[in-house]
Amino acid sequence: MKDSKFQKPSLNKLRSFKRQIISVSQEELIRTEYLQPENKFPLVVKPNIDEMNLACWAQNNKQFIEAQLLKHGGILFRNFNLKGLIEFEEFIRAISGELMAYSYRSTPRNAVRGKIYTSTEYTATRSIPLHNEMSYSDNWPLKIFFYCLQPAEKGGETPLANSQKVFEQITPKIRNHFQQKKVMYVRNYGDELDISWQNVFQTTNKSEVENYCRSANIEVEWKDKDRLRTYQICQSIATHPTTRQLLWFNQAHLFHISSLEPDVREILLTRFKEKDLPRNAYYGDGSPIENSVLEEIRNVYQQEAVMFTWKEGDILLLDNMLIAHGRMPFSGTRKVFVGMTEPFSSEGV
């Protein structure tokens, strides 16, 4: 007698079985929140599972990342247990492809892996004003990525500001004046007080410098002892290529001599004629920018600033046109690295 428990299922019954597909929704993989409920940026993204591969997740969720970046201006990826610069670079490439070289430099930085750089190596006891990366140029990255390997023992926060709100808060008369005249940046390289032209242009060949400047509409003036002075007129206001928002987008307040601490400013003005200062900013027609105007711009940035404190392993992705960033003074060792992508030209605004 056959045991009914072990009878083979009929062919029809086998056909009735359906393969079960196990899917994990995006909501189950990550969760989102805000650092400060009253501020809608940066958006914070955290994993819901251990040991998630951030680069793989990013590769499969590009549309989500792009949409949230345009909506919020910045995204903070926290608690993903990133294992160093290799994974940071993989994450950047998953979202944006090739990284940009840091050309026509404004601040001292060192390459640590390919086109991954140290963040601005500026005196730890002084702050770096809010600014959009390379907005002193007519070419800039649309995206900028920061990775914190080691937060400072004290301080070193990164203030952030919405460039559209900065634009809206500046007095219309000042906005209109800048929009009409633009900004002229004057730079004198070297003299032991600023980075050399060899560092800025990453070459020791004068012809290469001249070729670059010609293509970027930068006026070149060689001085004695192979010293260099440049003049460039750039945008003061830009239109975002996707959102079409009008944005305050320049570094007049940062380049102008009045941005320096009083003691540093006094030393420079004692040592140099105005035209020989390491860097300065004017209206595009060469006329001076009033100190009261620059003070208003700095006050607006301060009012709009949202303070961001780093944690080890954090990655901050910013739309470089929508959000300005800076750095507060700090003590101890601070290791924050930078990658830039998606070069864009002022011809497109």
Protein backbone atom coordinates (compact mmCIF):
# COMPACT_ATOMS: atom_id res chain seq x y z
CA MET A 1 0.00 0.00 0.00
CA LYS A 2 1.34 3.41 -1.01
CA ASP A 3 1.71 6.17 1.57
CA SER A 4 -0.43 9.12 0.41
CA LYS A 5 1.93 11.58 2.12
CA PHE A 6 4.57 10.87 -0.51
CA GLN A 7 2.43 10.90 -3.62
CA LYS A 8 3.84 13.03 -6.44
CA PRO A 9 1.89 16.21 -7.15
CA SER A 10 0.07 16.24 -10.44
CA LEU A 11 1.51 18.16 -13.39
CA ASN A 12 -1.40 20.60 -13.20
CA LYS A 13 -0.62 21.35 -9.59
CA LEU A 14 3.04 21.97 -10.44
CA ARG A 15 1.99 24.42 -13.13
CA SER A 16 -0.15 26.29 -10.62
CA PHE A 17 2.90 27.25 -8.52
CA LYS A 18 4.31 30.73 -9.23
CA ARG A 19 7.86 31.82 -8.58
CA GLN A 20 8.02 34.27 -5.68
CA ILE A 21 10.01 37.43 -6.40
CA ILE A 22 11.59 39.02 -3.38
CA SER A 23 12.03 42.77 -3.77
CA VAL A 24 13.36 45.34 -1.33
CA SER A 25 11.95 48.81 -1.79
CA GLN A 26 14.10 51.90 -1.61
CA GLU A 27 12.20 52.92 1.55
CA GLU A 28 13.34 49.71 3.24
CA LEU A 29 16.99 50.27 2.31
CA ILE A 30 17.32 53.89 3.43
CA ARG A 31 15.55 56.50 5.52
CA THR A 32 15.63 60.28 5.22
CA GLU A 33 15.46 63.11 7.72
CA TYR A 34 16.73 66.64 8.31
CA LEU A 35 19.54 67.82 10.57
CA GLN A 36 17.34 70.72 11.66
CA PRO A 37 13.54 70.45 11.16
CA GLU A 38 13.28 74.17 10.38
CA ASN A 39 15.79 73.85 7.52
CA LYS A 40 15.15 71.67 4.50
CA PHE A 41 18.81 71.20 3.66
CA PRO A 42 20.84 69.20 3.69
CA LEU A 43 18.62 66.17 3.36
CA VAL A 44 20.09 63.36 5.49
CA VAL A 45 20.14 59.83 4.02
CA LYS A 46 20.90 56.89 6.34
CA PRO A 47 20.99 53.12 5.68
CA ASN A 48 18.47 50.76 7.22
CA ILE A 49 20.72 47.72 6.80
CA ASP A 50 24.29 47.08 7.88
CA GLU A 51 27.21 47.05 5.45
CA MET A 52 25.26 48.57 2.55
CA ASN A 53 27.46 49.30 -0.46
CA LEU A 54 26.87 53.01 -0.98
CA ALA A 55 28.27 53.11 -4.52
CA CYS A 56 26.02 50.23 -5.64
CA TRP A 57 22.98 51.82 -4.03
CA ALA A 58 23.81 55.16 -5.67
CA GLN A 59 24.25 53.50 -9.07
CA ASN A 60 20.74 52.04 -8.81
CA ASN A 61 19.15 55.21 -7.44
CA LYS A 62 20.57 58.02 -9.56
CA GLN A 63 17.17 59.50 -10.34
CA PHE A 64 16.27 59.63 -6.65
CA ILE A 65 19.58 61.33 -5.80
CA GLU A 66 19.27 63.87 -8.64
CA ALA A 67 15.69 64.73 -7.72
CA GLN A 68 16.49 65.20 -4.03
CA LEU A 69 19.60 67.22 -4.81
CA LEU A 70 17.63 69.65 -6.98
CA LYS A 71 14.92 69.87 -4.32
CA HIS A 72 17.17 70.36 -1.30
CA GLY A 73 20.48 71.55 -2.74
CA GLY A 74 22.50 69.17 -0.58
CA ILE A 75 22.43 65.58 0.65
CA LEU A 76 24.32 64.23 3.66
CA PHE A 77 25.02 60.48 3.51
CA ARG A 78 25.61 59.34 7.08
CA ASN A 79 26.37 55.98 8.78
CA PHE A 80 27.30 54.13 5.57
CA ASN A 81 30.63 52.95 7.03
CA LEU A 82 32.66 54.09 4.05
CA LYS A 83 36.08 52.47 4.00
CA GLY A 84 38.36 55.22 2.80
CA LEU A 85 39.08 57.21 -0.35
CA ILE A 86 38.70 54.32 -2.78
CA GLU A 87 35.04 53.85 -1.84
CA PHE A 88 34.55 57.63 -1.81
CA GLU A 89 35.80 57.81 -5.39
CA GLU A 90 33.61 54.86 -6.40
CA PHE A 91 30.58 56.65 -4.95
CA ILE A 92 31.35 59.83 -6.88
CA ARG A 93 31.78 57.93 -10.13
CA ALA A 94 28.52 56.04 -9.55
CA ILE A 95 26.64 59.35 -9.51
CA SER A 96 28.61 61.63 -11.82
CA GLY A 97 31.22 59.67 -13.77
CA GLU A 98 34.61 61.30 -14.30
CA LEU A 99 36.02 63.68 -11.71
CA MET A 100 37.32 67.16 -12.55
CA ALA A 101 40.87 68.30 -12.04
CA TYR A 102 41.22 71.31 -9.74
CA SER A 103 42.49 73.81 -12.32
CA TYR A 104 42.91 77.61 -12.11
CA ARG A 105 43.27 77.20 -8.34
CA SER A 106 42.37 79.76 -5.73
CA THR A 107 43.51 77.93 -2.61
CA PRO A 108 46.26 75.47 -1.69
CA ARG A 109 45.21 71.83 -1.93
CA ASN A 110 46.98 68.52 -2.43
CA ALA A 111 45.85 65.61 -4.57
CA VAL A 112 45.55 62.50 -2.39
CA ARG A 113 44.12 60.04 -4.90
CA GLY A 114 43.67 60.82 -8.58
CA LYS A 115 41.38 63.86 -8.63
CA ILE A 116 40.46 63.64 -4.96
CA TYR A 117 41.94 66.58 -3.05
CA THR A 118 42.38 67.80 0.48
CA SER A 119 39.90 70.51 1.43
CA THR A 120 41.31 74.05 1.43
CA GLU A 121 44.52 74.10 3.47
CA TYR A 122 43.97 77.45 5.15
CA THR A 123 45.01 78.54 8.63
CA ALA A 124 42.97 76.54 11.15
CA THR A 125 42.41 79.54 13.41
CA ARG A 126 40.60 81.51 10.70
CA SER A 127 37.27 80.91 8.99
CA ILE A 128 36.66 80.49 5.26
CA PRO A 129 33.70 82.64 4.14
CA LEU A 130 30.69 81.07 2.48
CA HIS A 131 31.18 80.71 -1.27
CA ASN A 132 30.30 78.57 -4.29
CA GLU A 133 33.28 76.59 -5.54
CA MET A 134 35.16 78.34 -8.39
CA SER A 135 32.50 81.04 -8.79
CA TYR A 136 35.45 83.42 -9.27
CA SER A 137 35.88 81.75 -12.68
CA ASP A 138 33.76 81.32 -15.80
CA ASN A 139 34.02 77.53 -15.40
CA TRP A 140 32.97 75.59 -12.32
CA PRO A 141 31.73 72.16 -11.13
CA LEU A 142 28.00 71.60 -10.87
CA LYS A 143 28.52 69.04 -8.11
CA ILE A 144 30.99 68.98 -5.23
CA PHE A 145 31.48 66.04 -2.84
CA PHE A 146 33.05 66.17 0.64
CA TYR A 147 34.19 63.18 2.68
CA CYS A 148 35.10 63.40 6.35
CA LEU A 149 37.75 60.89 7.38
CA GLN A 150 38.41 62.66 10.68
CA PRO A 151 36.40 65.54 12.16
CA ALA A 152 38.25 68.23 14.08
CA GLU A 153 38.58 67.86 17.83
CA LYS A 154 36.83 71.21 18.19
CA GLY A 155 35.13 73.41 15.60
CA GLY A 156 35.66 72.94 11.87
CA GLU A 157 31.95 73.00 11.06
CA THR A 158 30.87 73.64 7.46
CA PRO A 159 28.29 76.43 7.19
CA LEU A 160 25.94 76.15 4.22
CA ALA A 161 23.73 78.78 2.56
CA ASN A 162 21.05 78.71 -0.13
CA SER A 163 22.31 80.81 -3.07
CA GLN A 164 18.80 81.74 -4.18
CA LYS A 165 17.88 83.03 -0.73
CA VAL A 166 21.13 85.01 -0.61
CA PHE A 167 20.20 86.56 -3.96
CA GLU A 168 16.69 87.41 -2.73
CA GLN A 169 17.89 88.98 0.53
CA ILE A 170 20.43 91.33 -1.07
CA THR A 171 19.02 94.81 -1.74
CA PRO A 172 17.62 94.95 -5.31
CA LYS A 173 19.68 98.07 -6.07
CA ILE A 174 22.90 96.21 -5.20
CA ARG A 175 21.80 93.12 -7.14
CA ASN A 176 21.04 95.18 -10.23
CA HIS A 177 24.33 97.04 -10.01
CA PHE A 178 26.30 93.79 -9.86
CA GLN A 179 24.23 92.21 -12.60
CA GLN A 180 24.99 95.11 -14.93
CA LYS A 181 28.69 95.48 -14.13
CA LYS A 182 29.69 91.93 -13.10
CA VAL A 183 32.87 91.35 -11.03
CA MET A 184 36.54 91.82 -11.90
CA TYR A 185 39.05 89.65 -10.04
CA VAL A 186 42.65 90.87 -9.89
CA ARG A 187 45.30 88.40 -8.75
CA ASN A 188 49.04 88.74 -8.11
CA TYR A 189 50.63 85.33 -7.68
CA GLY A 190 53.36 84.34 -5.30
CA ASP A 191 55.30 86.93 -3.28
CA GLU A 192 55.23 84.38 -0.43
CA LEU A 193 51.73 85.51 0.56
CA ASP A 194 49.56 83.66 -1.94
CA ILE A 195 49.95 80.56 -4.08
CA SER A 196 52.30 80.77 -7.04
CA TRP A 197 51.13 80.87 -10.66
CA GLN A 198 52.94 77.55 -11.13
CA ASN A 199 50.59 76.05 -8.49
CA VAL A 200 47.48 77.85 -9.72
CA PHE A 201 47.90 76.72 -13.33
CA GLN A 202 49.74 73.45 -12.56
CA THR A 203 52.57 74.21 -14.97
CA THR A 204 55.93 75.99 -15.13
CA ASN A 205 55.43 76.85 -18.80
CA LYS A 206 54.45 80.48 -19.44
CA SER A 207 53.01 79.64 -22.85
CA GLU A 208 50.64 77.10 -21.30
CA VAL A 209 49.50 79.73 -18.81
CA GLU A 210 48.90 82.22 -21.60
CA ASN A 211 46.98 79.66 -23.67
CA TYR A 212 44.76 78.77 -20.73
CA CYS A 213 44.10 82.42 -19.91
CA ARG A 214 43.30 83.24 -23.52
CA SER A 215 40.70 80.46 -23.63
CA ALA A 216 39.21 81.61 -20.31
CA ASN A 217 39.13 85.33 -21.17
CA ILE A 218 41.74 86.13 -18.52
CA GLU A 219 44.01 89.09 -19.17
CA VAL A 220 47.68 88.34 -18.47
CA GLU A 221 50.38 90.76 -17.35
CA TRP A 222 53.90 89.46 -16.71
CA LYS A 223 55.86 91.50 -14.17
CA ASP A 224 59.54 91.44 -13.29
CA LYS A 225 61.16 88.30 -11.89
CA ASP A 226 58.61 86.09 -13.68
CA ARG A 227 55.79 87.29 -11.50
CA LEU A 228 52.26 87.32 -12.87
CA ARG A 229 49.17 89.50 -12.56
CA THR A 230 45.79 88.51 -14.06
CA TYR A 231 42.46 90.23 -14.57
CA GLN A 232 39.20 88.41 -15.21
CA ILE A 233 35.64 89.68 -15.47
CA CYS A 234 33.06 87.09 -14.41
CA GLN A 235 29.38 86.70 -13.61
CA SER A 236 27.94 88.06 -10.38
CA ILE A 237 24.56 86.34 -10.79
CA ALA A 238 23.92 83.01 -12.50
CA THR A 239 20.86 81.04 -13.61
CA HIS A 240 20.76 77.40 -12.61
CA PRO A 241 20.73 75.25 -15.78
CA THR A 242 17.95 72.97 -14.52
CA THR A 243 15.83 74.86 -11.99
CA ARG A 244 16.27 78.24 -13.78
CA GLN A 245 16.57 79.96 -10.40
CA LEU A 246 18.52 83.23 -10.19
CA LEU A 247 21.46 82.72 -7.82
CA TRP A 248 24.04 84.94 -6.16
CA PHE A 249 27.17 83.41 -7.66
CA ASN A 250 30.49 85.20 -7.22
CA GLN A 251 33.32 85.64 -4.73
CA ALA A 252 33.61 89.43 -4.61
CA HIS A 253 33.11 89.39 -0.83
CA LEU A 254 35.86 86.76 -0.44
CA PHE A 255 38.49 88.18 -2.82
CA HIS A 256 38.09 91.80 -1.70
CA ILE A 257 40.80 93.09 0.61
CA SER A 258 38.14 93.92 3.23
CA SER A 259 37.50 90.17 3.74
CA LEU A 260 40.81 89.77 5.56
CA GLU A 261 41.28 90.11 9.29
CA PRO A 262 42.25 93.70 10.22
CA ASP A 263 45.80 92.74 11.26
CA VAL A 264 46.47 90.89 7.98
CA ARG A 265 44.88 93.66 5.93
CA GLU A 266 47.05 96.30 7.61
CA ILE A 267 50.24 94.35 6.88
CA LEU A 268 49.32 93.91 3.22
CA LEU A 269 48.37 97.55 2.68
CA THR A 270 51.64 98.63 4.30
CA ARG A 271 53.68 96.32 2.10
CA PHE A 272 51.87 96.55 -1.27
CA LYS A 273 50.25 99.10 -3.53
CA GLU A 274 46.60 98.27 -4.13
CA LYS A 275 47.24 96.96 -7.64
CA ASP A 276 49.89 94.57 -6.26
CA LEU A 277 47.75 92.97 -3.54
CA PRO A 278 47.67 89.17 -3.78
CA ARG A 279 43.97 89.33 -4.69
CA ASN A 280 41.22 91.89 -4.85
CA ALA A 281 37.79 92.39 -6.42
CA TYR A 282 36.21 95.31 -8.27
CA TYR A 283 33.12 95.94 -10.32
CA GLY A 284 33.59 94.70 -13.87
CA ASP A 285 34.41 98.21 -15.11
CA GLY A 286 37.30 98.46 -12.64
CA SER A 287 35.55 100.80 -10.20
CA PRO A 288 35.82 100.00 -6.47
CA ILE A 289 33.14 97.98 -4.68
CA GLU A 290 31.89 99.95 -1.70
CA ASN A 291 32.70 98.51 1.73
CA SER A 292 29.07 99.03 2.79
CA VAL A 293 27.92 96.87 -0.13
CA LEU A 294 30.32 94.07 0.76
CA GLU A 295 29.27 94.30 4.40
CA GLU A 296 25.63 93.81 3.41
CA ILE A 297 26.52 90.77 1.30
CA ARG A 298 28.47 89.21 4.17
CA ASN A 299 25.61 89.90 6.59
CA VAL A 300 23.15 88.18 4.26
CA TYR A 301 25.39 85.11 4.03
CA GLN A 302 25.62 85.05 7.83
CA GLN A 303 21.85 85.32 8.21
CA GLU A 304 21.26 82.49 5.75
CA ALA A 305 23.97 80.19 7.12
CA VAL A 306 22.99 76.71 8.31
CA MET A 307 25.73 75.13 10.43
CA PHE A 308 26.76 71.56 9.68
CA THR A 309 28.90 69.53 12.10
CA TRP A 310 30.90 66.64 10.65
CA LYS A 311 30.88 63.05 11.88
CA GLU A 312 33.47 60.49 10.85
CA GLY A 313 32.49 58.82 7.55
CA ASP A 314 30.07 61.55 6.46
CA ILE A 315 29.72 62.32 2.76
CA LEU A 316 28.17 65.65 1.79
CA LEU A 317 27.00 66.12 -1.80
CA LEU A 318 26.16 69.69 -2.82
CA ASP A 319 24.73 71.23 -5.93
CA ASN A 320 27.54 73.77 -6.20
CA MET A 321 25.30 76.44 -7.71
CA LEU A 322 22.37 76.07 -5.32
CA ILE A 323 24.37 75.85 -2.07
CA ALA A 324 27.38 77.82 -0.86
CA HIS A 325 29.77 76.34 1.71
CA GLY A 326 32.50 77.58 4.06
CA ARG A 327 34.55 76.45 7.05
CA MET A 328 34.72 77.50 10.68
CA PRO A 329 37.99 77.71 12.66
CA PHE A 330 39.09 74.50 14.35
CA SER A 331 41.66 72.88 16.58
CA GLY A 332 43.22 69.44 16.28
CA THR A 333 43.49 67.37 13.12
CA ARG A 334 40.73 67.75 10.54
CA LYS A 335 40.70 65.48 7.46
CA VAL A 336 38.04 66.37 4.91
CA PHE A 337 38.52 65.49 1.24
CA VAL A 338 36.91 66.90 -1.89
CA GLY A 339 35.92 65.69 -5.35
CA MET A 340 34.32 67.82 -8.07
CA THR A 341 32.33 66.75 -11.14
CA GLU A 342 30.30 67.97 -14.12
CA PRO A 343 32.20 71.02 -15.41
CA PHE A 344 29.96 73.88 -16.50
CA SER A 345 30.61 77.18 -18.23
CA SER A 346 29.16 80.65 -17.72
CA GLU A 347 28.32 80.55 -21.42
CA GLY A 348 25.54 78.17 -20.45
CA VAL A 349 23.85 80.57 -17.98
